[in-house]
Amino acid sequence: MADKRWTPEELAAASAALEGQGPVAALRWAYEHFAHDEIALACSFGAEDVALVDMISKLAPEAQLFYLDTNFLFPETYQTIEAVRAAYPLRIRQVLPPLTPEEQAAQYGDELWRRDPDACCSIRKVQPLTQVLSGLKAWITGIRREQSPTRANAQVVEWDRKFGLVKINPLVAWKDADVWKYILENNVPYNPLHDQGYPSIGCTHCTRAVRPGEDPRAGRWSGFQKTECGLHA
């Protein structure tokens, strides 16, 4: 595809046109405007992302996705990765941090996540994401406005100032019930931890089950004033 520089006005117009049209319309727009080697789904293999995997596989089966393997994912997450790999033809890329867990402990001390979770997330998530996004012109995410106040103003299509590329959020207007309706109706493989009180799943060290009545993201970095790993500005 011809190289194109998107203006804020063009992205705002595209987002406004796609608002209310549903995630498939947003994905169709994404793959019409970006070649398959220019765009990728950032996949955590949580509920939102596996729903997007299913949609993308039907729309653009040769598309690519990547996942940030922090080396600290749950066994259930790795099982879900293999289930998705077996079920769909998409190209799946593993992205690793610049340091192994042993190298991180040697440089920063044991259990950095207990003392400085921001630093741990930077090493194991933000730095690898920065590297992979540097080779793309757009990325697709599963974020939803309902998830947290920091995501409440997310648009269907927007410019990602932090990473310098176009960001597409097809599920941005969906509710939790919409996600699960799609998963169950389409028999999408999903992480079994979702059935055990984990609405949001990250690393083993910084994720716990959510108690009844708690915010859905209360299980992430419990005990810290932290709700995002730094991937979404």
C-alpha atoms as a PDB file:
ATOM      1  CA  MET A   1       0.000   0.000   0.000  1.00  0.00           C
ATOM      2  CA  ALA A   2       1.139   3.542  -0.633  1.00  0.00           C
ATOM      3  CA  ASP A   3       2.682   5.247   2.358  1.00  0.00           C
ATOM      4  CA  LYS A   4       0.266   7.669   3.954  1.00  0.00           C
ATOM      5  CA  ARG A   5       0.615  10.198   6.733  1.00  0.00           C
ATOM      6  CA  TRP A   6      -2.621  10.519   8.635  1.00  0.00           C
ATOM      7  CA  THR A   7      -3.697  13.932   9.870  1.00  0.00           C
ATOM      8  CA  PRO A   8      -5.576  14.303  13.171  1.00  0.00           C
ATOM      9  CA  GLU A   9      -8.592  15.454  11.190  1.00  0.00           C
ATOM     10  CA  GLU A  10      -8.563  12.352   8.986  1.00  0.00           C
ATOM     11  CA  LEU A  11      -8.321  10.014  11.958  1.00  0.00           C
ATOM     12  CA  ALA A  12     -11.074  11.878  13.814  1.00  0.00           C
ATOM     13  CA  ALA A  13     -13.317  11.660  10.760  1.00  0.00           C
ATOM     14  CA  ALA A  14     -12.635   7.943  10.352  1.00  0.00           C
ATOM     15  CA  SER A  15     -13.345   7.327  14.021  1.00  0.00           C
ATOM     16  CA  ALA A  16     -16.579   9.309  13.900  1.00  0.00           C
ATOM     17  CA  ALA A  17     -17.728   7.372  10.837  1.00  0.00           C
ATOM     18  CA  LEU A  18     -16.985   4.042  12.540  1.00  0.00           C
ATOM     19  CA  GLU A  19     -18.531   4.935  15.903  1.00  0.00           C
ATOM     20  CA  GLY A  20     -21.520   2.691  16.450  1.00  0.00           C
ATOM     21  CA  GLN A  21     -20.770   0.502  13.423  1.00  0.00           C
ATOM     22  CA  GLY A  22     -19.358  -2.363  15.465  1.00  0.00           C
ATOM     23  CA  PRO A  23     -15.939  -4.008  15.678  1.00  0.00           C
ATOM     24  CA  VAL A  24     -16.033  -5.796  12.327  1.00  0.00           C
ATOM     25  CA  ALA A  25     -16.480  -2.475  10.525  1.00  0.00           C
ATOM     26  CA  ALA A  26     -13.467  -1.079  12.403  1.00  0.00           C
ATOM     27  CA  LEU A  27     -11.375  -4.120  11.530  1.00  0.00           C
ATOM     28  CA  ARG A  28     -12.418  -3.957   7.899  1.00  0.00           C
ATOM     29  CA  TRP A  29     -11.343  -0.296   7.814  1.00  0.00           C
ATOM     30  CA  ALA A  30      -8.016  -1.240   9.399  1.00  0.00           C
ATOM     31  CA  TYR A  31      -7.176  -3.928   6.867  1.00  0.00           C
ATOM     32  CA  GLU A  32      -8.328  -1.800   3.950  1.00  0.00           C
ATOM     33  CA  HIS A  33      -5.928   0.980   4.928  1.00  0.00           C
ATOM     34  CA  PHE A  34      -2.902  -0.986   6.169  1.00  0.00           C
ATOM     35  CA  ALA A  35      -1.074  -3.923   4.618  1.00  0.00           C
ATOM     36  CA  HIS A  36      -0.833  -7.063   6.713  1.00  0.00           C
ATOM     37  CA  ASP A  37       2.837  -6.441   7.469  1.00  0.00           C
ATOM     38  CA  GLU A  38       2.050  -2.876   8.601  1.00  0.00           C
ATOM     39  CA  ILE A  39      -0.548  -3.681  11.247  1.00  0.00           C
ATOM     40  CA  ALA A  40      -0.904  -6.225  14.045  1.00  0.00           C
ATOM     41  CA  LEU A  41      -3.189  -7.116  16.907  1.00  0.00           C
ATOM     42  CA  ALA A  42      -1.595  -6.786  20.335  1.00  0.00           C
ATOM     43  CA  CYS A  43      -2.989  -9.873  22.026  1.00  0.00           C
ATOM     44  CA  SER A  44      -2.941 -10.693  25.735  1.00  0.00           C
ATOM     45  CA  PHE A  45      -5.250 -13.668  25.150  1.00  0.00           C
ATOM     46  CA  GLY A  46      -7.799 -12.163  27.498  1.00  0.00           C
ATOM     47  CA  ALA A  47     -11.497 -12.214  26.626  1.00  0.00           C
ATOM     48  CA  GLU A  48     -11.467  -9.110  24.445  1.00  0.00           C
ATOM     49  CA  ASP A  49      -8.434 -10.194  22.475  1.00  0.00           C
ATOM     50  CA  VAL A  50      -9.581 -13.728  21.719  1.00  0.00           C
ATOM     51  CA  ALA A  51     -12.867 -12.274  20.450  1.00  0.00           C
ATOM     52  CA  LEU A  52     -10.849 -10.049  18.125  1.00  0.00           C
ATOM     53  CA  VAL A  53      -8.743 -13.014  17.016  1.00  0.00           C
ATOM     54  CA  ASP A  54     -11.910 -14.800  15.941  1.00  0.00           C
ATOM     55  CA  MET A  55     -13.196 -11.748  14.049  1.00  0.00           C
ATOM     56  CA  ILE A  56      -9.862 -11.098  12.341  1.00  0.00           C
ATOM     57  CA  SER A  57      -9.443 -14.731  11.307  1.00  0.00           C
ATOM     58  CA  LYS A  58     -12.741 -14.501   9.402  1.00  0.00           C
ATOM     59  CA  LEU A  59     -11.891 -11.156   7.831  1.00  0.00           C
ATOM     60  CA  ALA A  60      -8.140 -11.376   7.198  1.00  0.00           C
ATOM     61  CA  PRO A  61      -6.837 -14.895   7.918  1.00  0.00           C
ATOM     62  CA  GLU A  62      -3.294 -13.969   6.841  1.00  0.00           C
ATOM     63  CA  ALA A  63      -3.098 -11.147   9.405  1.00  0.00           C
ATOM     64  CA  GLN A  64      -0.586 -11.083  12.241  1.00  0.00           C
ATOM     65  CA  LEU A  65      -0.797 -10.754  16.007  1.00  0.00           C
ATOM     66  CA  PHE A  66       1.854 -10.547  18.684  1.00  0.00           C
ATOM     67  CA  TYR A  67       1.911 -11.175  22.406  1.00  0.00           C
ATOM     68  CA  LEU A  68       4.230  -9.889  25.082  1.00  0.00           C
ATOM     69  CA  ASP A  69       5.626 -12.927  26.851  1.00  0.00           C
ATOM     70  CA  THR A  70       6.861 -11.461  30.126  1.00  0.00           C
ATOM     71  CA  ASN A  71       8.091 -14.919  31.245  1.00  0.00           C
ATOM     72  CA  PHE A  72       5.623 -14.524  34.119  1.00  0.00           C
ATOM     73  CA  LEU A  73       2.348 -15.432  32.429  1.00  0.00           C
ATOM     74  CA  PHE A  74      -0.059 -17.899  34.031  1.00  0.00           C
ATOM     75  CA  PRO A  75       0.061 -21.533  32.864  1.00  0.00           C
ATOM     76  CA  GLU A  76      -3.558 -21.051  31.792  1.00  0.00           C
ATOM     77  CA  THR A  77      -2.492 -18.171  29.546  1.00  0.00           C
ATOM     78  CA  TYR A  78       0.119 -20.309  27.801  1.00  0.00           C
ATOM     79  CA  GLN A  79      -2.530 -23.027  27.372  1.00  0.00           C
ATOM     80  CA  THR A  80      -4.848 -20.444  25.803  1.00  0.00           C
ATOM     81  CA  ILE A  81      -2.104 -19.337  23.411  1.00  0.00           C
ATOM     82  CA  GLU A  82      -1.721 -22.906  22.191  1.00  0.00           C
ATOM     83  CA  ALA A  83      -5.507 -23.328  21.878  1.00  0.00           C
ATOM     84  CA  VAL A  84      -5.708 -20.167  19.767  1.00  0.00           C
ATOM     85  CA  ARG A  85      -2.722 -21.242  17.686  1.00  0.00           C
ATOM     86  CA  ALA A  86      -4.450 -24.553  16.937  1.00  0.00           C
ATOM     87  CA  ALA A  87      -7.813 -22.973  16.122  1.00  0.00           C
ATOM     88  CA  TYR A  88      -6.824 -20.046  13.901  1.00  0.00           C
ATOM     89  CA  PRO A  89      -4.518 -19.497  10.907  1.00  0.00           C
ATOM     90  CA  LEU A  90      -3.192 -16.093  12.020  1.00  0.00           C
ATOM     91  CA  ARG A  91       0.536 -15.473  12.271  1.00  0.00           C
ATOM     92  CA  ILE A  92       1.370 -15.376  15.985  1.00  0.00           C
ATOM     93  CA  ARG A  93       4.583 -13.711  17.131  1.00  0.00           C
ATOM     94  CA  GLN A  94       6.077 -14.071  20.600  1.00  0.00           C
ATOM     95  CA  VAL A  95       7.799 -10.902  21.867  1.00  0.00           C
ATOM     96  CA  LEU A  96      10.205 -11.288  24.782  1.00  0.00           C
ATOM     97  CA  PRO A  97      11.683  -8.689  27.196  1.00  0.00           C
ATOM     98  CA  PRO A  98      15.284  -7.500  26.823  1.00  0.00           C
ATOM     99  CA  LEU A  99      16.218  -9.244  30.090  1.00  0.00           C
ATOM    100  CA  THR A 100      15.540 -12.755  31.305  1.00  0.00           C
ATOM    101  CA  PRO A 101      14.078 -13.005  34.829  1.00  0.00           C
ATOM    102  CA  GLU A 102      17.530 -13.975  36.091  1.00  0.00           C
ATOM    103  CA  GLU A 103      19.196 -10.988  34.392  1.00  0.00           C
ATOM    104  CA  GLN A 104      16.565  -8.638  35.774  1.00  0.00           C
ATOM    105  CA  ALA A 105      17.107  -9.983  39.297  1.00  0.00           C
ATOM    106  CA  ALA A 106      20.868  -9.587  38.931  1.00  0.00           C
ATOM    107  CA  GLN A 107      20.560  -5.946  37.807  1.00  0.00           C
ATOM    108  CA  TYR A 108      17.598  -4.750  39.890  1.00  0.00           C
ATOM    109  CA  GLY A 109      17.321  -7.212  42.759  1.00  0.00           C
ATOM    110  CA  ASP A 110      14.881 -10.017  43.408  1.00  0.00           C
ATOM    111  CA  GLU A 111      11.149  -9.487  42.967  1.00  0.00           C
ATOM    112  CA  LEU A 112      11.319  -6.040  41.387  1.00  0.00           C
ATOM    113  CA  TRP A 113       7.540  -6.181  40.895  1.00  0.00           C
ATOM    114  CA  ARG A 114       7.050  -6.003  44.683  1.00  0.00           C
ATOM    115  CA  ARG A 115       9.138  -2.840  45.044  1.00  0.00           C
ATOM    116  CA  ASP A 116       8.654  -1.022  41.760  1.00  0.00           C
ATOM    117  CA  PRO A 117       5.983  -2.542  39.520  1.00  0.00           C
ATOM    118  CA  ASP A 118       6.299   0.369  37.073  1.00  0.00           C
ATOM    119  CA  ALA A 119       9.950  -0.476  36.478  1.00  0.00           C
ATOM    120  CA  CYS A 120       9.127  -4.156  36.059  1.00  0.00           C
ATOM    121  CA  CYS A 121       6.359  -3.375  33.562  1.00  0.00           C
ATOM    122  CA  SER A 122       8.713  -1.066  31.684  1.00  0.00           C
ATOM    123  CA  ILE A 123      11.300  -3.811  31.246  1.00  0.00           C
ATOM    124  CA  ARG A 124       8.960  -6.688  30.543  1.00  0.00           C
ATOM    125  CA  LYS A 125       6.147  -4.944  28.632  1.00  0.00           C
ATOM    126  CA  VAL A 126       6.734  -1.350  27.545  1.00  0.00           C
ATOM    127  CA  GLN A 127      10.233  -1.780  26.115  1.00  0.00           C
ATOM    128  CA  PRO A 128       9.310  -4.881  24.084  1.00  0.00           C
ATOM    129  CA  LEU A 129       6.120  -3.213  22.865  1.00  0.00           C
ATOM    130  CA  THR A 130       8.057  -0.114  21.814  1.00  0.00           C
ATOM    131  CA  GLN A 131      10.396  -2.286  19.769  1.00  0.00           C
ATOM    132  CA  VAL A 132       7.677  -4.233  17.958  1.00  0.00           C
ATOM    133  CA  LEU A 133       5.527  -1.160  17.270  1.00  0.00           C
ATOM    134  CA  SER A 134       8.506   0.644  15.751  1.00  0.00           C
ATOM    135  CA  GLY A 135       8.179  -1.686  12.771  1.00  0.00           C
ATOM    136  CA  LEU A 136       4.444  -1.092  12.268  1.00  0.00           C
ATOM    137  CA  LYS A 137       2.190   1.711  11.032  1.00  0.00           C
ATOM    138  CA  ALA A 138      -0.856   0.715  13.092  1.00  0.00           C
ATOM    139  CA  TRP A 139      -1.854  -1.570  15.916  1.00  0.00           C
ATOM    140  CA  ILE A 140      -5.146  -3.064  17.058  1.00  0.00           C
ATOM    141  CA  THR A 141      -6.056  -3.358  20.739  1.00  0.00           C
ATOM    142  CA  GLY A 142      -8.899  -4.804  22.769  1.00  0.00           C
ATOM    143  CA  ILE A 143      -9.348  -1.872  25.126  1.00  0.00           C
ATOM    144  CA  ARG A 144     -12.882  -0.781  26.035  1.00  0.00           C
ATOM    145  CA  ARG A 145     -14.115   2.494  27.519  1.00  0.00           C
ATOM    146  CA  GLU A 146     -15.971   0.607  30.231  1.00  0.00           C
ATOM    147  CA  GLN A 147     -12.802  -0.975  31.609  1.00  0.00           C
ATOM    148  CA  SER A 148     -11.356   1.981  33.507  1.00  0.00           C
ATOM    149  CA  PRO A 149     -11.386   5.786  33.767  1.00  0.00           C
ATOM    150  CA  THR A 150      -8.048   5.901  31.922  1.00  0.00           C
ATOM    151  CA  ARG A 151      -9.736   4.305  28.895  1.00  0.00           C
ATOM    152  CA  ALA A 152     -13.028   6.202  29.044  1.00  0.00           C
ATOM    153  CA  ASN A 153     -12.093   8.598  26.232  1.00  0.00           C
ATOM    154  CA  ALA A 154     -10.575   6.058  23.857  1.00  0.00           C
ATOM    155  CA  GLN A 155     -11.704   6.359  20.231  1.00  0.00           C
ATOM    156  CA  VAL A 156     -12.334   3.710  17.599  1.00  0.00           C
ATOM    157  CA  VAL A 157      -9.414   5.138  15.599  1.00  0.00           C
ATOM    158  CA  GLU A 158      -6.826   7.493  17.084  1.00  0.00           C
ATOM    159  CA  TRP A 159      -3.221   8.560  16.918  1.00  0.00           C
ATOM    160  CA  ASP A 160      -1.071   6.901  19.559  1.00  0.00           C
ATOM    161  CA  ARG A 161       1.155   9.762  20.681  1.00  0.00           C
ATOM    162  CA  LYS A 162       3.230   7.564  22.954  1.00  0.00           C
ATOM    163  CA  PHE A 163       4.304   5.108  20.254  1.00  0.00           C
ATOM    164  CA  GLY A 164       3.809   7.208  17.130  1.00  0.00           C
ATOM    165  CA  LEU A 165       1.388   5.189  15.010  1.00  0.00           C
ATOM    166  CA  VAL A 166      -2.326   4.706  14.355  1.00  0.00           C
ATOM    167  CA  LYS A 167      -4.249   2.831  17.041  1.00  0.00           C
ATOM    168  CA  ILE A 168      -7.498   0.997  16.325  1.00  0.00           C
ATOM    169  CA  ASN A 169      -9.784  -0.031  19.201  1.00  0.00           C
ATOM    170  CA  PRO A 170     -12.621  -2.034  17.599  1.00  0.00           C
ATOM    171  CA  LEU A 171     -14.285  -3.042  20.886  1.00  0.00           C
ATOM    172  CA  VAL A 172     -14.103   0.386  22.477  1.00  0.00           C
ATOM    173  CA  ALA A 173     -17.902   0.773  22.819  1.00  0.00           C
ATOM    174  CA  TRP A 174     -18.647  -2.808  23.823  1.00  0.00           C
ATOM    175  CA  LYS A 175     -19.753  -3.813  27.304  1.00  0.00           C
ATOM    176  CA  ASP A 176     -18.491  -6.874  29.122  1.00  0.00           C
ATOM    177  CA  ALA A 177     -21.707  -8.703  28.234  1.00  0.00           C
ATOM    178  CA  ASP A 178     -21.125  -8.013  24.532  1.00  0.00           C
ATOM    179  CA  VAL A 179     -17.687  -9.623  24.694  1.00  0.00           C
ATOM    180  CA  TRP A 180     -18.935 -12.763  26.407  1.00  0.00           C
ATOM    181  CA  LYS A 181     -21.953 -13.049  24.155  1.00  0.00           C
ATOM    182  CA  TYR A 182     -19.624 -13.091  21.157  1.00  0.00           C
ATOM    183  CA  ILE A 183     -17.224 -15.607  22.736  1.00  0.00           C
ATOM    184  CA  LEU A 184     -19.956 -18.055  23.686  1.00  0.00           C
ATOM    185  CA  GLU A 185     -21.945 -17.744  20.464  1.00  0.00           C
ATOM    186  CA  ASN A 186     -18.819 -18.290  18.336  1.00  0.00           C
ATOM    187  CA  ASN A 187     -17.247 -20.986  20.516  1.00  0.00           C
ATOM    188  CA  VAL A 188     -14.056 -18.960  20.921  1.00  0.00           C
ATOM    189  CA  PRO A 189     -11.351 -20.556  23.122  1.00  0.00           C
ATOM    190  CA  TYR A 190     -10.721 -18.395  26.177  1.00  0.00           C
ATOM    191  CA  ASN A 191      -8.572 -18.328  29.292  1.00  0.00           C
ATOM    192  CA  PRO A 192     -10.148 -20.550  31.988  1.00  0.00           C
ATOM    193  CA  LEU A 193      -9.027 -18.074  34.655  1.00  0.00           C
ATOM    194  CA  HIS A 194     -11.949 -15.885  33.536  1.00  0.00           C
ATOM    195  CA  ASP A 195     -14.221 -18.486  35.138  1.00  0.00           C
ATOM    196  CA  GLN A 196     -12.258 -18.305  38.385  1.00  0.00           C
ATOM    197  CA  GLY A 197     -12.680 -14.625  39.252  1.00  0.00           C
ATOM    198  CA  TYR A 198     -10.052 -13.115  36.962  1.00  0.00           C
ATOM    199  CA  PRO A 199     -11.709 -10.532  34.655  1.00  0.00           C
ATOM    200  CA  SER A 200      -8.296  -9.037  33.813  1.00  0.00           C
ATOM    201  CA  ILE A 201      -5.264 -11.304  33.526  1.00  0.00           C
ATOM    202  CA  GLY A 202      -1.647 -10.207  33.542  1.00  0.00           C
ATOM    203  CA  CYS A 203       1.461 -11.656  35.175  1.00  0.00           C
ATOM    204  CA  THR A 204       1.294 -14.199  37.978  1.00  0.00           C
ATOM    205  CA  HIS A 205       3.081 -11.894  40.425  1.00  0.00           C
ATOM    206  CA  CYS A 206       0.762  -8.918  39.921  1.00  0.00           C
ATOM    207  CA  THR A 207      -2.659 -10.464  39.276  1.00  0.00           C
ATOM    208  CA  ARG A 208      -5.150 -11.903  41.756  1.00  0.00           C
ATOM    209  CA  ALA A 209      -8.770 -12.946  41.609  1.00  0.00           C
ATOM    210  CA  VAL A 210     -11.324 -10.161  42.100  1.00  0.00           C
ATOM    211  CA  ARG A 211     -13.655 -10.402  45.065  1.00  0.00           C
ATOM    212  CA  PRO A 212     -17.428  -9.851  44.696  1.00  0.00           C
ATOM    213  CA  GLY A 213     -18.234  -6.145  44.386  1.00  0.00           C
ATOM    214  CA  GLU A 214     -14.675  -5.101  43.530  1.00  0.00           C
ATOM    215  CA  ASP A 215     -13.737  -3.135  40.430  1.00  0.00           C
ATOM    216  CA  PRO A 216     -12.891  -5.539  37.572  1.00  0.00           C
ATOM    217  CA  ARG A 217      -9.291  -4.283  37.517  1.00  0.00           C
ATOM    218  CA  ALA A 218      -8.820  -4.461  41.286  1.00  0.00           C
ATOM    219  CA  GLY A 219      -6.909  -7.681  40.839  1.00  0.00           C
ATOM    220  CA  ARG A 220      -4.125  -5.976  38.899  1.00  0.00           C
ATOM    221  CA  TRP A 221      -1.210  -4.588  40.996  1.00  0.00           C
ATOM    222  CA  SER A 222      -3.242  -4.963  44.162  1.00  0.00           C
ATOM    223  CA  GLY A 223      -1.882  -2.736  46.908  1.00  0.00           C
ATOM    224  CA  PHE A 224      -0.422  -0.171  44.498  1.00  0.00           C
ATOM    225  CA  GLN A 225      -1.879   3.017  43.026  1.00  0.00           C
ATOM    226  CA  LYS A 226      -1.408   1.497  39.605  1.00  0.00           C
ATOM    227  CA  THR A 227      -4.084   0.473  37.121  1.00  0.00           C
ATOM    228  CA  GLU A 228      -2.179   0.367  33.808  1.00  0.00           C
ATOM    229  CA  CYS A 229       1.048  -1.308  32.771  1.00  0.00           C
ATOM    230  CA  GLY A 230       1.996   1.614  30.540  1.00  0.00           C
ATOM    231  CA  LEU A 231       0.964   0.190  27.184  1.00  0.00           C
ATOM    232  CA  HIS A 232      -2.049   2.479  26.820  1.00  0.00           C
ATOM    233  CA  ALA A 233      -1.411   6.165  27.393  1.00  0.00           C
END
